[in-house]
Amino acid sequence: MDNLFDKYGGIDVMRELIKEFYAQVYARPALKTYFKKSDLDDLIQHQCKFFAYAMGKAFQVYKDESLARGHSGRHISEDHFLKVAELLRRVLLDAGVENEDIKDIMIAVASKRKQIVNL
């Protein structure tokens, strides 16, 4: 197996992890407001693509322009970006993802910070 996405169970497992991630985000009013006009199923689908990218799935490319466009006008602060990233890290940890793999995933997430933070 040459990528983390498949190592941890592929699309079915990732979809469940992403659902848990959004449950954690939605439980925090300050973070939930960013998604009030978003369809949760669409968010999950987009995050599956991002997870595939972040976890090294060879065919998956996540274009910066698309990511920036999707976050444009949401006024996302650095603080909230870090809080969401920490929620993601905890969900991955709770799911049994190995620490070294979490580190690699979080590096991929951090590499997209400029496209997400816009405040």
C-alpha atoms as a PDB file:
ATOM      1  CA  MET A   1       0.000   0.000   0.000  1.00  0.00           C
ATOM      2  CA  ASP A   2       1.567   3.255  -1.066  1.00  0.00           C
ATOM      3  CA  ASN A   3      -0.770   5.861   0.429  1.00  0.00           C
ATOM      4  CA  LEU A   4      -2.367   6.613   3.770  1.00  0.00           C
ATOM      5  CA  PHE A   5      -5.863   6.907   2.300  1.00  0.00           C
ATOM      6  CA  ASP A   6      -5.930   3.212   1.394  1.00  0.00           C
ATOM      7  CA  LYS A   7      -3.897   2.187   4.450  1.00  0.00           C
ATOM      8  CA  TYR A   8      -6.700   3.384   6.716  1.00  0.00           C
ATOM      9  CA  GLY A   9      -9.594   1.857   4.798  1.00  0.00           C
ATOM     10  CA  GLY A  10     -10.266   4.047   1.789  1.00  0.00           C
ATOM     11  CA  ILE A  11     -13.394   5.996   1.003  1.00  0.00           C
ATOM     12  CA  ASP A  12     -15.822   4.228   3.353  1.00  0.00           C
ATOM     13  CA  VAL A  13     -13.657   4.731   6.428  1.00  0.00           C
ATOM     14  CA  MET A  14     -12.710   8.264   5.416  1.00  0.00           C
ATOM     15  CA  ARG A  15     -16.365   9.214   4.964  1.00  0.00           C
ATOM     16  CA  GLU A  16     -17.062   8.091   8.551  1.00  0.00           C
ATOM     17  CA  LEU A  17     -14.045   9.991   9.879  1.00  0.00           C
ATOM     18  CA  ILE A  18     -15.190  13.099   8.036  1.00  0.00           C
ATOM     19  CA  LYS A  19     -18.704  12.771   9.460  1.00  0.00           C
ATOM     20  CA  GLU A  20     -17.186  12.637  12.932  1.00  0.00           C
ATOM     21  CA  PHE A  21     -14.978  15.619  12.108  1.00  0.00           C
ATOM     22  CA  TYR A  22     -18.020  17.685  11.093  1.00  0.00           C
ATOM     23  CA  ALA A  23     -19.922  16.555  14.189  1.00  0.00           C
ATOM     24  CA  GLN A  24     -17.066  18.019  16.230  1.00  0.00           C
ATOM     25  CA  VAL A  25     -17.021  21.226  14.173  1.00  0.00           C
ATOM     26  CA  TYR A  26     -20.808  21.659  14.341  1.00  0.00           C
ATOM     27  CA  ALA A  27     -20.684  21.215  18.128  1.00  0.00           C
ATOM     28  CA  ARG A  28     -18.771  24.504  18.344  1.00  0.00           C
ATOM     29  CA  PRO A  29     -20.966  27.514  17.509  1.00  0.00           C
ATOM     30  CA  ALA A  30     -18.037  29.740  16.511  1.00  0.00           C
ATOM     31  CA  LEU A  31     -16.944  27.172  13.923  1.00  0.00           C
ATOM     32  CA  LYS A  32     -20.380  26.017  12.811  1.00  0.00           C
ATOM     33  CA  THR A  33     -21.199  29.508  11.511  1.00  0.00           C
ATOM     34  CA  TYR A  34     -18.735  29.021   8.646  1.00  0.00           C
ATOM     35  CA  PHE A  35     -20.915  26.221   7.302  1.00  0.00           C
ATOM     36  CA  LYS A  36     -24.434  27.575   7.868  1.00  0.00           C
ATOM     37  CA  LYS A  37     -25.061  28.002   4.123  1.00  0.00           C
ATOM     38  CA  SER A  38     -23.366  24.740   3.154  1.00  0.00           C
ATOM     39  CA  ASP A  39     -24.892  21.355   2.424  1.00  0.00           C
ATOM     40  CA  LEU A  40     -23.311  18.776   4.744  1.00  0.00           C
ATOM     41  CA  ASP A  41     -23.346  16.032   2.105  1.00  0.00           C
ATOM     42  CA  ASP A  42     -21.487  18.342  -0.309  1.00  0.00           C
ATOM     43  CA  LEU A  43     -18.974  19.208   2.410  1.00  0.00           C
ATOM     44  CA  ILE A  44     -18.356  15.535   3.117  1.00  0.00           C
ATOM     45  CA  GLN A  45     -17.828  14.822  -0.579  1.00  0.00           C
ATOM     46  CA  HIS A  46     -15.348  17.703  -0.915  1.00  0.00           C
ATOM     47  CA  GLN A  47     -13.528  16.634   2.245  1.00  0.00           C
ATOM     48  CA  CYS A  48     -13.231  13.077   0.911  1.00  0.00           C
ATOM     49  CA  LYS A  49     -11.369  14.524  -2.063  1.00  0.00           C
ATOM     50  CA  PHE A  50      -9.204  16.665   0.212  1.00  0.00           C
ATOM     51  CA  PHE A  51      -8.457  13.694   2.488  1.00  0.00           C
ATOM     52  CA  ALA A  52      -7.443  11.649  -0.550  1.00  0.00           C
ATOM     53  CA  TYR A  53      -5.037  14.450  -1.497  1.00  0.00           C
ATOM     54  CA  ALA A  54      -3.757  14.941   2.071  1.00  0.00           C
ATOM     55  CA  MET A  55      -3.272  11.215   2.513  1.00  0.00           C
ATOM     56  CA  GLY A  56      -1.243  10.766  -0.650  1.00  0.00           C
ATOM     57  CA  LYS A  57      -3.733   9.212  -3.054  1.00  0.00           C
ATOM     58  CA  ALA A  58      -1.764   9.410  -6.284  1.00  0.00           C
ATOM     59  CA  PHE A  59      -4.570  10.400  -8.638  1.00  0.00           C
ATOM     60  CA  GLN A  60      -5.972  13.099  -6.376  1.00  0.00           C
ATOM     61  CA  VAL A  61      -4.987  16.699  -6.984  1.00  0.00           C
ATOM     62  CA  TYR A  62      -6.477  19.480  -4.914  1.00  0.00           C
ATOM     63  CA  LYS A  63      -6.177  22.764  -6.744  1.00  0.00           C
ATOM     64  CA  ASP A  64      -5.388  25.842  -4.692  1.00  0.00           C
ATOM     65  CA  GLU A  65      -7.763  27.953  -6.783  1.00  0.00           C
ATOM     66  CA  SER A  66     -10.718  25.703  -5.981  1.00  0.00           C
ATOM     67  CA  LEU A  67      -9.873  25.679  -2.305  1.00  0.00           C
ATOM     68  CA  ALA A  68      -9.487  29.467  -2.187  1.00  0.00           C
ATOM     69  CA  ARG A  69     -12.764  29.955  -4.076  1.00  0.00           C
ATOM     70  CA  GLY A  70     -14.595  27.622  -1.683  1.00  0.00           C
ATOM     71  CA  HIS A  71     -13.391  29.570   1.342  1.00  0.00           C
ATOM     72  CA  SER A  72     -13.653  33.041  -0.160  1.00  0.00           C
ATOM     73  CA  GLY A  73     -15.839  35.449   1.774  1.00  0.00           C
ATOM     74  CA  ARG A  74     -16.086  33.196   4.818  1.00  0.00           C
ATOM     75  CA  HIS A  75     -13.761  35.421   6.885  1.00  0.00           C
ATOM     76  CA  ILE A  76     -11.842  32.508   8.366  1.00  0.00           C
ATOM     77  CA  SER A  77      -9.348  33.586  10.999  1.00  0.00           C
ATOM     78  CA  GLU A  78      -6.013  31.988  11.781  1.00  0.00           C
ATOM     79  CA  ASP A  79      -7.355  31.060  15.221  1.00  0.00           C
ATOM     80  CA  HIS A  80     -10.348  29.229  13.763  1.00  0.00           C
ATOM     81  CA  PHE A  81      -8.182  27.501  11.163  1.00  0.00           C
ATOM     82  CA  LEU A  82      -5.998  26.191  13.996  1.00  0.00           C
ATOM     83  CA  LYS A  83      -9.025  25.079  16.034  1.00  0.00           C
ATOM     84  CA  VAL A  84     -10.459  23.155  13.081  1.00  0.00           C
ATOM     85  CA  ALA A  85      -7.051  21.611  12.381  1.00  0.00           C
ATOM     86  CA  GLU A  86      -6.835  20.507  16.019  1.00  0.00           C
ATOM     87  CA  LEU A  87     -10.288  18.904  15.783  1.00  0.00           C
ATOM     88  CA  LEU A  88      -9.126  17.028  12.715  1.00  0.00           C
ATOM     89  CA  ARG A  89      -5.979  15.876  14.511  1.00  0.00           C
ATOM     90  CA  ARG A  90      -8.067  14.581  17.440  1.00  0.00           C
ATOM     91  CA  VAL A  91     -10.502  12.739  15.167  1.00  0.00           C
ATOM     92  CA  LEU A  92      -7.594  11.054  13.400  1.00  0.00           C
ATOM     93  CA  LEU A  93      -5.951  10.166  16.705  1.00  0.00           C
ATOM     94  CA  ASP A  94      -9.199   8.758  18.126  1.00  0.00           C
ATOM     95  CA  ALA A  95      -9.628   6.684  14.960  1.00  0.00           C
ATOM     96  CA  GLY A  96      -6.261   5.019  15.524  1.00  0.00           C
ATOM     97  CA  VAL A  97      -4.261   6.802  12.853  1.00  0.00           C
ATOM     98  CA  GLU A  98      -0.575   6.524  13.718  1.00  0.00           C
ATOM     99  CA  ASN A  99       1.203   9.654  14.997  1.00  0.00           C
ATOM    100  CA  GLU A 100       3.662   9.808  12.089  1.00  0.00           C
ATOM    101  CA  ASP A 101       0.803   9.544   9.619  1.00  0.00           C
ATOM    102  CA  ILE A 102      -1.138  12.267  11.438  1.00  0.00           C
ATOM    103  CA  LYS A 103       1.936  14.471  11.205  1.00  0.00           C
ATOM    104  CA  ASP A 104       2.082  13.982   7.435  1.00  0.00           C
ATOM    105  CA  ILE A 105      -1.640  14.696   7.060  1.00  0.00           C
ATOM    106  CA  MET A 106      -1.406  17.847   9.166  1.00  0.00           C
ATOM    107  CA  ILE A 107       1.537  19.068   7.069  1.00  0.00           C
ATOM    108  CA  ALA A 108      -0.676  18.693   3.980  1.00  0.00           C
ATOM    109  CA  VAL A 109      -3.470  20.610   5.737  1.00  0.00           C
ATOM    110  CA  ALA A 110      -1.078  23.364   6.824  1.00  0.00           C
ATOM    111  CA  SER A 111       0.188  23.666   3.249  1.00  0.00           C
ATOM    112  CA  LYS A 112      -3.290  24.890   2.237  1.00  0.00           C
ATOM    113  CA  ARG A 113      -3.581  27.504   4.997  1.00  0.00           C
ATOM    114  CA  LYS A 114      -3.125  30.452   2.624  1.00  0.00           C
ATOM    115  CA  GLN A 115      -6.107  29.285   0.582  1.00  0.00           C
ATOM    116  CA  ILE A 116      -8.335  28.906   3.639  1.00  0.00           C
ATOM    117  CA  VAL A 117      -7.490  31.760   6.027  1.00  0.00           C
ATOM    118  CA  ASN A 118      -8.883  34.977   4.637  1.00  0.00           C
ATOM    119  CA  LEU A 119      -9.317  37.395   7.517  1.00  0.00           C
END
